[in-house]
Amino acid sequence: MPLVKMLAGAAAALSAVLALSAPSSGQAPPASPVMAHYRAYTSALAAGDLPAAENAAAAALVASEARDGDGGRTAVFALNLATVRLMRGSHAEALAPARRARALADNPATGVHPQLADLIVGRIALALNEPNAPDQLATALRQVAPGGPAPTDEISAAAVALGTWASTNQNYTLAREAWAIAAAFPEGTGAEATYARANAHIQLGASIFKQEVGPRGREMIDREAAAEAHRAFHQAKLALAPLAEVELAGGQMTFAQRAYAEAITWDAVLRGKAGRRFPREPGEAEGDADGITELGPVAGSDSRPRCLVGMRKVTGLHYPEEAVEKNQIGAVGVRFRLNEGGEAEEAQVVVNLGSPVFAEAVGDVRRWRFERRPDSPAKTVEWR
C-alpha cells in the first residue's frame, strides 16, 4: 500500500520526537498508542485481515486526534482509515475520513499530498453516485504525472473506476480519457501490469468505437477515429500475444486468452465499420493470418511453424433481421480446437458483441469446416 510506505517516514519522525523528550535518567519513553495502533494496522494489512486493519486504523486516528488534534499525522491516519474502508466496500463510512484528510492536506506538514487525497475522495464519491463526482475525479486524474506524488496504483485504480463508470453510463468522451490514463499507469508488475495495460487499451478502443458509431449505429466511421481505435486494439494484441500462448494443463481459457480474443473481436467489428479505409500500424502484416502472425514479429511469441487454416464451409448462420435493420454491431470471438486432420472438434464462444442468437449459431461446431491454407508452412507442429 502506498500509504503504508508514506507512513514509514511518519513513524520515524514520531520516534525521533519521543527520543528527544525522554527523561535524562535513561528510562525509555512510554509507548505511543498512536504507533501501536499503526503497527497493528500494517500487520493486519499484510495478513489480508481488512476488518482488523480497519479497527486498528480507526484507533490510530482517535489516538492521533487526542494527542495532536488536526496536527501531527492525523491526516495520514484519516486517509488510512478511508482507504481500508474503500477496500472493504464501505463507501459511506469512508467518505468522512477521506474528506477530512483532504481538508488537512493543504498543509504540507500533514504528510498527505492533496493529489493523492483527491483521487481517493473522488473514487469514494463516485462509488456513492454523488453529484459531480465523475467530473471531480476526472479533474484529479488530469493532474497526475509520472513520478508525481500520487502512487501509480492509486492512479490506476481511480482511472479504472472512472472508465468503468463512464463506459457503463455511455459517456464515451470521459471513458476515452479515463482508459487512456489507465493504459499509461497500469497497476501491478510483470504480467499483471501487462494485462492491466492491455485491458485498458481494449476499453479505450471500444469507447472510441462506441462514441463514433453512436446510439443510432452509423454505417461507417471516420478514418482518423478508426486509426486511433485500431492502434489501441493493436497495442493490446501485441502485449497479450505471448501471454495468450501459455496453455493451462486442463485446457481452460486463461485471462490473457480471453482478453486477446476480446481485442481481436473488437478489431474485427472496427474493420467492418471502417471498410476500405481501415488503417494498419507500422509492421503489421496485410490480411488475416492466424490472429498472431498478422501482427508481425512479437517478442516472446511461440516461434514454431503455424498451420494456417481457412474456412471451407459454413451453414446455417443468419444475423437477426432486427439487428440488421438497426445497424447493430455483431461479432463473436470463438475458440476452436482442431484435430490433426483440420476438423473442428470443439467450438467455444468466448466473446459476444452482438445478438445471442447469432452467437449460438456461431458456437455450433457442426456448422464449421476448415482446410489448410496454401500459404501455410509445408511442415507444421500443431493446428492452431
Protein backbone atom coordinates (compact mmCIF):
# COMPACT_ATOMS: atom_id res chain seq x y z
CA MET A 1 0.00 0.00 0.00
CA PRO A 2 1.44 3.40 -0.83
CA LEU A 3 0.01 4.80 2.37
CA VAL A 4 1.98 2.29 4.39
CA LYS A 5 5.16 3.42 2.66
CA MET A 6 4.26 7.04 3.30
CA LEU A 7 3.62 6.32 6.97
CA ALA A 8 7.01 4.72 7.36
CA GLY A 9 8.53 8.17 7.20
CA ALA A 10 5.95 9.45 9.67
CA ALA A 11 6.81 6.66 12.07
CA ALA A 12 10.47 7.59 12.00
CA ALA A 13 9.65 11.23 12.66
CA LEU A 14 7.43 10.38 15.61
CA SER A 15 10.10 8.12 17.10
CA ALA A 16 12.61 10.93 16.89
CA VAL A 17 10.29 13.26 18.79
CA LEU A 18 9.85 10.69 21.55
CA ALA A 19 13.59 10.22 21.82
CA LEU A 20 14.09 13.95 22.30
CA SER A 21 11.55 14.04 25.12
CA ALA A 22 12.99 11.05 27.00
CA PRO A 23 13.92 11.75 30.66
CA SER A 24 17.60 12.25 31.48
CA SER A 25 17.54 9.19 33.76
CA GLY A 26 17.87 7.00 30.67
CA GLN A 27 14.46 5.42 31.11
CA ALA A 28 12.65 4.56 27.86
CA PRO A 29 9.72 6.86 26.99
CA PRO A 30 6.22 5.43 27.34
CA ALA A 31 4.97 3.56 24.26
CA SER A 32 2.96 5.68 21.85
CA PRO A 33 -0.62 4.39 21.46
CA VAL A 34 -0.68 6.00 18.02
CA MET A 35 2.24 3.91 16.81
CA ALA A 36 0.95 0.77 18.50
CA HIS A 37 -2.32 1.06 16.58
CA TYR A 38 -0.46 1.92 13.39
CA ARG A 39 1.71 -1.20 13.68
CA ALA A 40 -1.40 -3.28 14.24
CA TYR A 41 -2.89 -1.70 11.12
CA THR A 42 0.11 -2.51 8.92
CA SER A 43 0.33 -6.06 10.29
CA ALA A 44 -3.36 -6.66 9.59
CA LEU A 45 -2.99 -5.29 6.06
CA ALA A 46 -0.02 -7.57 5.41
CA ALA A 47 -2.09 -10.53 6.62
CA GLY A 48 -5.07 -9.53 4.46
CA ASP A 49 -7.27 -9.06 7.52
CA LEU A 50 -9.23 -5.97 6.46
CA PRO A 51 -11.67 -5.87 9.42
CA ALA A 52 -8.74 -5.87 11.86
CA ALA A 53 -6.94 -3.27 9.71
CA GLU A 54 -10.00 -1.01 9.81
CA ASN A 55 -10.29 -1.31 13.60
CA ALA A 56 -6.61 -0.51 14.07
CA ALA A 57 -6.75 2.41 11.60
CA ALA A 58 -9.76 3.87 13.44
CA ALA A 59 -7.98 3.51 16.78
CA ALA A 60 -4.83 5.16 15.39
CA LEU A 61 -6.88 8.11 14.16
CA VAL A 62 -8.62 8.55 17.53
CA ALA A 63 -5.29 8.40 19.35
CA SER A 64 -3.69 10.89 16.95
CA GLU A 65 -6.62 13.30 17.34
CA ALA A 66 -6.37 13.06 21.13
CA ARG A 67 -2.67 13.84 21.05
CA ASP A 68 -2.24 16.20 18.07
CA GLY A 69 -5.70 17.40 17.05
CA ASP A 70 -5.51 18.31 13.36
CA GLY A 71 -1.72 18.39 13.51
CA GLY A 72 0.88 15.66 13.59
CA ARG A 73 -0.03 12.85 11.21
CA THR A 74 -3.77 12.94 11.83
CA ALA A 75 -4.42 13.49 8.11
CA VAL A 76 -2.39 10.38 7.24
CA PHE A 77 -4.30 8.24 9.72
CA ALA A 78 -7.60 9.60 8.42
CA LEU A 79 -6.61 8.69 4.87
CA ASN A 80 -5.52 5.22 6.02
CA LEU A 81 -8.95 4.66 7.53
CA ALA A 82 -10.71 5.92 4.42
CA THR A 83 -8.59 3.68 2.20
CA VAL A 84 -9.18 0.47 4.13
CA ARG A 85 -12.91 1.20 4.22
CA LEU A 86 -12.80 1.78 0.47
CA MET A 87 -11.07 -1.59 0.08
CA ARG A 88 -13.87 -3.19 2.11
CA GLY A 89 -16.57 -1.52 0.04
CA SER A 90 -17.77 0.59 2.99
CA HIS A 91 -18.03 3.72 0.88
CA ALA A 92 -20.47 5.68 3.05
CA GLU A 93 -18.22 5.21 6.09
CA ALA A 94 -15.08 6.03 4.08
CA LEU A 95 -16.16 9.42 2.81
CA ALA A 96 -15.91 11.45 6.04
CA PRO A 97 -12.31 10.48 6.97
CA ALA A 98 -11.27 10.89 3.31
CA ARG A 99 -12.68 14.40 3.14
CA ARG A 100 -11.10 15.25 6.47
CA ALA A 101 -7.71 14.13 5.16
CA ARG A 102 -8.25 16.23 2.06
CA ALA A 103 -9.16 19.30 4.10
CA LEU A 104 -5.93 18.95 6.10
CA ALA A 105 -3.76 18.10 3.08
CA ASP A 106 -3.29 21.72 2.03
CA ASN A 107 -0.79 21.97 4.88
CA PRO A 108 2.39 20.17 3.68
CA ALA A 109 3.28 19.30 7.28
CA THR A 110 0.38 16.84 7.48
CA GLY A 111 2.15 14.26 5.30
CA VAL A 112 -0.72 13.89 2.79
CA HIS A 113 -0.45 15.33 -0.69
CA PRO A 114 -3.68 16.93 -2.00
CA GLN A 115 -3.34 14.99 -5.28
CA LEU A 116 -3.48 11.64 -3.53
CA ALA A 117 -6.35 12.71 -1.30
CA ASP A 118 -8.32 13.97 -4.32
CA LEU A 119 -8.03 10.59 -6.04
CA ILE A 120 -9.28 8.67 -3.01
CA VAL A 121 -12.09 11.12 -2.27
CA GLY A 122 -13.08 11.00 -5.93
CA ARG A 123 -13.24 7.20 -6.02
CA ILE A 124 -15.38 7.08 -2.90
CA ALA A 125 -17.73 9.82 -4.10
CA LEU A 126 -18.06 8.08 -7.47
CA ALA A 127 -19.00 4.81 -5.79
CA LEU A 128 -21.67 6.69 -3.85
CA ASN A 129 -23.02 8.30 -7.07
CA GLU A 130 -22.55 11.77 -5.64
CA PRO A 131 -23.32 14.68 -7.98
CA ASN A 132 -20.29 15.97 -9.90
CA ALA A 133 -18.15 13.05 -8.68
CA PRO A 134 -17.18 11.92 -12.23
CA ASP A 135 -16.05 15.42 -13.21
CA GLN A 136 -14.20 15.89 -9.94
CA LEU A 137 -12.36 12.58 -10.30
CA ALA A 138 -11.55 13.41 -13.93
CA THR A 139 -10.11 16.74 -12.80
CA ALA A 140 -7.97 14.94 -10.21
CA LEU A 141 -6.69 12.46 -12.82
CA ARG A 142 -5.72 15.26 -15.18
CA GLN A 143 -3.22 16.47 -12.56
CA VAL A 144 -1.23 13.24 -12.33
CA ALA A 145 2.16 12.74 -13.94
CA PRO A 146 4.82 10.03 -13.93
CA GLY A 147 6.97 10.32 -10.84
CA GLY A 148 4.45 12.64 -9.18
CA PRO A 149 3.18 12.49 -5.60
CA ALA A 150 0.32 10.09 -6.36
CA PRO A 151 1.37 6.41 -6.41
CA THR A 152 0.80 4.52 -9.66
CA ASP A 153 -1.59 2.02 -8.11
CA GLU A 154 -3.83 4.79 -6.81
CA ILE A 155 -3.83 6.49 -10.23
CA SER A 156 -4.64 3.19 -11.92
CA ALA A 157 -7.46 2.36 -9.52
CA ALA A 158 -9.01 5.80 -9.96
CA ALA A 159 -8.73 5.71 -13.76
CA VAL A 160 -10.26 2.22 -13.98
CA ALA A 161 -13.09 3.24 -11.66
CA LEU A 162 -13.85 6.33 -13.75
CA GLY A 163 -13.50 4.44 -17.03
CA THR A 164 -15.86 1.72 -15.86
CA TRP A 165 -18.43 4.26 -14.67
CA ALA A 166 -18.21 6.27 -17.88
CA SER A 167 -18.48 3.19 -20.12
CA THR A 168 -21.47 1.89 -18.16
CA ASN A 169 -23.19 5.27 -18.41
CA GLN A 170 -22.31 5.65 -22.11
CA ASN A 171 -20.25 8.77 -21.51
CA TYR A 172 -17.66 7.75 -24.06
CA THR A 173 -15.84 11.07 -24.14
CA LEU A 174 -14.99 10.66 -20.46
CA ALA A 175 -14.41 6.93 -20.91
CA ARG A 176 -11.79 7.57 -23.60
CA GLU A 177 -9.93 9.96 -21.33
CA ALA A 178 -10.07 7.65 -18.32
CA TRP A 179 -8.99 4.49 -20.16
CA ALA A 180 -6.11 6.36 -21.80
CA ILE A 181 -4.83 7.29 -18.32
CA ALA A 182 -5.35 3.71 -17.10
CA ALA A 183 -3.24 2.47 -20.02
CA ALA A 184 -0.47 4.92 -19.12
CA PHE A 185 -0.49 3.97 -15.43
CA PRO A 186 -1.15 0.21 -15.21
CA GLU A 187 -1.25 -1.27 -11.73
CA GLY A 188 0.91 -4.28 -10.90
CA THR A 189 4.22 -5.65 -12.11
CA GLY A 190 5.29 -8.03 -14.86
CA ALA A 191 2.45 -9.96 -16.49
CA GLU A 192 -0.07 -8.33 -14.16
CA ALA A 193 0.82 -4.84 -15.39
CA THR A 194 0.90 -6.08 -18.99
CA TYR A 195 -2.62 -7.45 -18.65
CA ALA A 196 -3.85 -4.26 -16.94
CA ARG A 197 -2.43 -2.08 -19.71
CA ALA A 198 -3.83 -4.32 -22.43
CA ASN A 199 -7.29 -4.32 -20.87
CA ALA A 200 -7.21 -0.52 -20.66
CA HIS A 201 -6.30 -0.37 -24.36
CA ILE A 202 -9.20 -2.67 -25.24
CA GLN A 203 -11.63 -0.50 -23.28
CA LEU A 204 -10.13 2.63 -24.86
CA GLY A 205 -10.62 1.26 -28.36
CA ALA A 206 -14.16 0.13 -27.56
CA SER A 207 -15.01 3.58 -26.17
CA ILE A 208 -13.73 5.28 -29.33
CA PHE A 209 -15.73 2.89 -31.48
CA LYS A 210 -18.96 3.30 -29.49
CA GLN A 211 -18.66 7.07 -29.49
CA GLU A 212 -18.15 7.13 -33.24
CA VAL A 213 -20.95 4.68 -34.04
CA GLY A 214 -23.38 6.41 -31.70
CA PRO A 215 -26.76 5.16 -30.47
CA ARG A 216 -28.20 5.01 -33.99
CA GLY A 217 -25.41 2.83 -35.34
CA ARG A 218 -23.57 4.80 -38.02
CA GLU A 219 -22.82 2.66 -41.01
CA MET A 220 -19.24 3.91 -41.42
CA ILE A 221 -16.86 5.70 -39.07
CA ASP A 222 -14.19 8.32 -39.55
CA ARG A 223 -10.78 7.07 -40.67
CA GLU A 224 -8.90 9.05 -38.04
CA ALA A 225 -11.09 7.64 -35.27
CA ALA A 226 -10.72 4.16 -36.74
CA ALA A 227 -6.95 4.56 -36.71
CA GLU A 228 -6.98 5.60 -33.05
CA ALA A 229 -9.20 2.68 -32.05
CA HIS A 230 -7.18 0.18 -34.09
CA ARG A 231 -3.99 1.47 -32.53
CA ALA A 232 -5.43 0.72 -29.08
CA PHE A 233 -6.54 -2.79 -30.07
CA HIS A 234 -3.21 -3.40 -31.78
CA GLN A 235 -1.28 -2.44 -28.65
CA ALA A 236 -3.45 -4.81 -26.62
CA LYS A 237 -2.86 -7.67 -29.04
CA LEU A 238 0.89 -7.12 -29.12
CA ALA A 239 1.04 -7.19 -25.32
CA LEU A 240 -1.26 -10.19 -24.90
CA ALA A 241 0.01 -12.42 -27.74
CA PRO A 242 2.87 -14.03 -25.76
CA LEU A 243 0.68 -14.45 -22.67
CA ALA A 244 -2.17 -15.94 -24.71
CA GLU A 245 0.09 -18.73 -25.95
CA VAL A 246 0.53 -20.13 -22.43
CA GLU A 247 -1.86 -23.07 -22.15
CA LEU A 248 -3.34 -24.43 -18.93
CA ALA A 249 -2.90 -28.15 -18.40
CA GLY A 250 -6.65 -28.65 -18.24
CA GLY A 251 -7.26 -26.71 -21.45
CA GLN A 252 -9.29 -23.93 -19.78
CA MET A 253 -9.17 -20.41 -21.17
CA THR A 254 -6.77 -18.09 -19.36
CA PHE A 255 -7.48 -14.43 -18.60
CA ALA A 256 -4.91 -13.45 -21.21
CA GLN A 257 -6.54 -15.65 -23.86
CA ARG A 258 -9.98 -14.19 -23.18
CA ALA A 259 -8.62 -10.65 -23.28
CA TYR A 260 -6.77 -11.44 -26.51
CA ALA A 261 -9.96 -12.81 -28.04
CA GLU A 262 -11.79 -9.65 -26.97
CA ALA A 263 -9.18 -7.45 -28.67
CA ILE A 264 -9.39 -9.49 -31.89
CA THR A 265 -13.20 -9.41 -31.87
CA TRP A 266 -13.42 -5.65 -31.33
CA ASP A 267 -10.85 -5.10 -34.06
CA ALA A 268 -12.97 -7.21 -36.43
CA VAL A 269 -16.02 -5.06 -35.68
CA LEU A 270 -13.93 -1.95 -36.29
CA ARG A 271 -12.74 -3.39 -39.58
CA GLY A 272 -16.35 -3.84 -40.68
CA LYS A 273 -17.25 -0.24 -39.89
CA ALA A 274 -14.11 1.26 -41.42
CA GLY A 275 -14.25 -0.74 -44.65
CA ARG A 276 -11.54 0.09 -47.17
CA ARG A 277 -10.41 2.95 -45.00
CA PHE A 278 -9.22 0.53 -42.33
CA PRO A 279 -5.74 1.64 -41.19
CA ARG A 280 -2.80 -0.51 -40.22
CA GLU A 281 0.05 0.00 -37.82
CA PRO A 282 3.72 0.02 -38.95
CA GLY A 283 4.99 -3.55 -39.24
CA GLU A 284 1.52 -5.06 -39.21
CA ALA A 285 1.06 -7.72 -41.89
CA GLU A 286 -1.57 -7.35 -44.58
CA GLY A 287 -4.59 -9.62 -44.41
CA ASP A 288 -5.65 -12.12 -41.76
CA ALA A 289 -3.35 -14.93 -40.79
CA ASP A 290 -3.97 -16.75 -37.54
CA GLY A 291 -4.53 -13.75 -35.30
CA ILE A 292 -0.91 -13.64 -34.18
CA THR A 293 1.31 -13.88 -37.26
CA GLU A 294 -0.53 -10.96 -38.85
CA LEU A 295 0.79 -8.75 -36.05
CA GLY A 296 4.31 -9.06 -37.40
CA PRO A 297 7.21 -10.01 -35.10
CA VAL A 298 6.03 -10.27 -31.48
CA ALA A 299 8.67 -10.57 -28.77
CA GLY A 300 8.16 -13.67 -26.65
CA SER A 301 5.69 -15.38 -29.01
CA ASP A 302 5.96 -19.04 -29.94
CA SER A 303 8.31 -19.25 -32.93
CA ARG A 304 7.26 -22.73 -34.06
CA PRO A 305 5.69 -23.08 -37.53
CA ARG A 306 1.96 -22.50 -37.55
CA CYS A 307 -0.63 -24.24 -39.62
CA LEU A 308 -2.79 -21.52 -41.12
CA VAL A 309 -6.33 -22.61 -41.80
CA GLY A 310 -9.19 -21.17 -43.81
CA MET A 311 -12.94 -21.59 -43.54
CA ARG A 312 -14.20 -24.02 -46.14
CA LYS A 313 -17.90 -24.18 -45.39
CA VAL A 314 -20.35 -22.53 -43.02
CA THR A 315 -24.02 -23.43 -42.85
CA GLY A 316 -26.99 -22.01 -41.03
CA LEU A 317 -25.50 -18.68 -39.97
CA HIS A 318 -28.07 -15.88 -40.13
CA TYR A 319 -27.73 -12.49 -38.49
CA PRO A 320 -31.06 -11.41 -36.88
CA GLU A 321 -33.05 -9.17 -39.22
CA GLU A 322 -33.97 -6.75 -36.45
CA ALA A 323 -30.29 -6.21 -35.67
CA VAL A 324 -29.59 -5.65 -39.38
CA GLU A 325 -32.36 -3.06 -39.64
CA LYS A 326 -30.98 -1.18 -36.63
CA ASN A 327 -27.42 -1.42 -37.97
CA GLN A 328 -26.29 -3.00 -34.71
CA ILE A 329 -22.85 -4.50 -34.34
CA GLY A 330 -22.45 -8.22 -34.36
CA ALA A 331 -19.20 -10.05 -33.73
CA VAL A 332 -18.36 -13.25 -31.94
CA GLY A 333 -14.96 -14.49 -30.79
CA VAL A 334 -14.79 -18.27 -30.96
CA ARG A 335 -12.12 -20.65 -29.79
CA PHE A 336 -11.83 -23.75 -31.99
CA ARG A 337 -10.00 -26.96 -31.26
CA LEU A 338 -8.96 -28.77 -34.42
CA ASN A 339 -7.68 -32.29 -34.76
CA GLU A 340 -4.71 -33.23 -36.92
CA GLY A 341 -6.98 -33.56 -39.93
CA GLY A 342 -8.19 -29.98 -39.53
CA GLU A 343 -11.65 -30.98 -38.30
CA ALA A 344 -13.26 -28.79 -35.65
CA GLU A 345 -13.82 -30.88 -32.53
CA GLU A 346 -14.88 -28.06 -30.22
CA ALA A 347 -16.18 -24.51 -30.62
CA GLN A 348 -16.41 -22.21 -27.61
CA VAL A 349 -17.85 -18.68 -27.80
CA VAL A 350 -15.62 -16.55 -25.58
CA VAL A 351 -16.63 -13.04 -26.72
CA ASN A 352 -20.06 -11.89 -27.91
CA LEU A 353 -20.57 -8.31 -29.02
CA GLY A 354 -23.90 -8.87 -30.73
CA SER A 355 -27.07 -10.95 -30.69
CA PRO A 356 -27.14 -14.09 -28.50
CA VAL A 357 -28.99 -15.86 -31.34
CA PHE A 358 -26.09 -15.17 -33.67
CA ALA A 359 -23.58 -16.29 -31.03
CA GLU A 360 -25.47 -19.55 -30.54
CA ALA A 361 -25.32 -20.30 -34.26
CA VAL A 362 -21.61 -19.45 -34.47
CA GLY A 363 -20.83 -21.63 -31.46
CA ASP A 364 -22.29 -24.76 -33.07
CA VAL A 365 -19.20 -26.75 -34.05
CA ARG A 366 -21.16 -28.75 -36.62
CA ARG A 367 -21.52 -25.67 -38.82
CA TRP A 368 -17.79 -25.19 -39.34
CA ARG A 369 -15.35 -26.74 -41.78
CA PHE A 370 -11.67 -25.83 -42.13
CA GLU A 371 -8.89 -26.55 -44.56
CA ARG A 372 -5.19 -25.86 -44.57
CA ARG A 373 -4.34 -22.68 -46.48
CA PRO A 374 -1.94 -22.78 -49.44
CA ASP A 375 0.33 -20.18 -47.79
CA SER A 376 0.71 -22.29 -44.64
CA PRO A 377 4.20 -23.73 -43.98
CA ALA A 378 4.75 -27.17 -45.51
CA LYS A 379 5.72 -28.71 -42.20
CA THR A 380 3.73 -27.81 -39.13
CA VAL A 381 3.86 -28.72 -35.48
CA GLU A 382 0.25 -28.31 -34.49
CA TRP A 383 -3.07 -26.97 -35.71
CA ARG A 384 -3.92 -23.58 -34.30
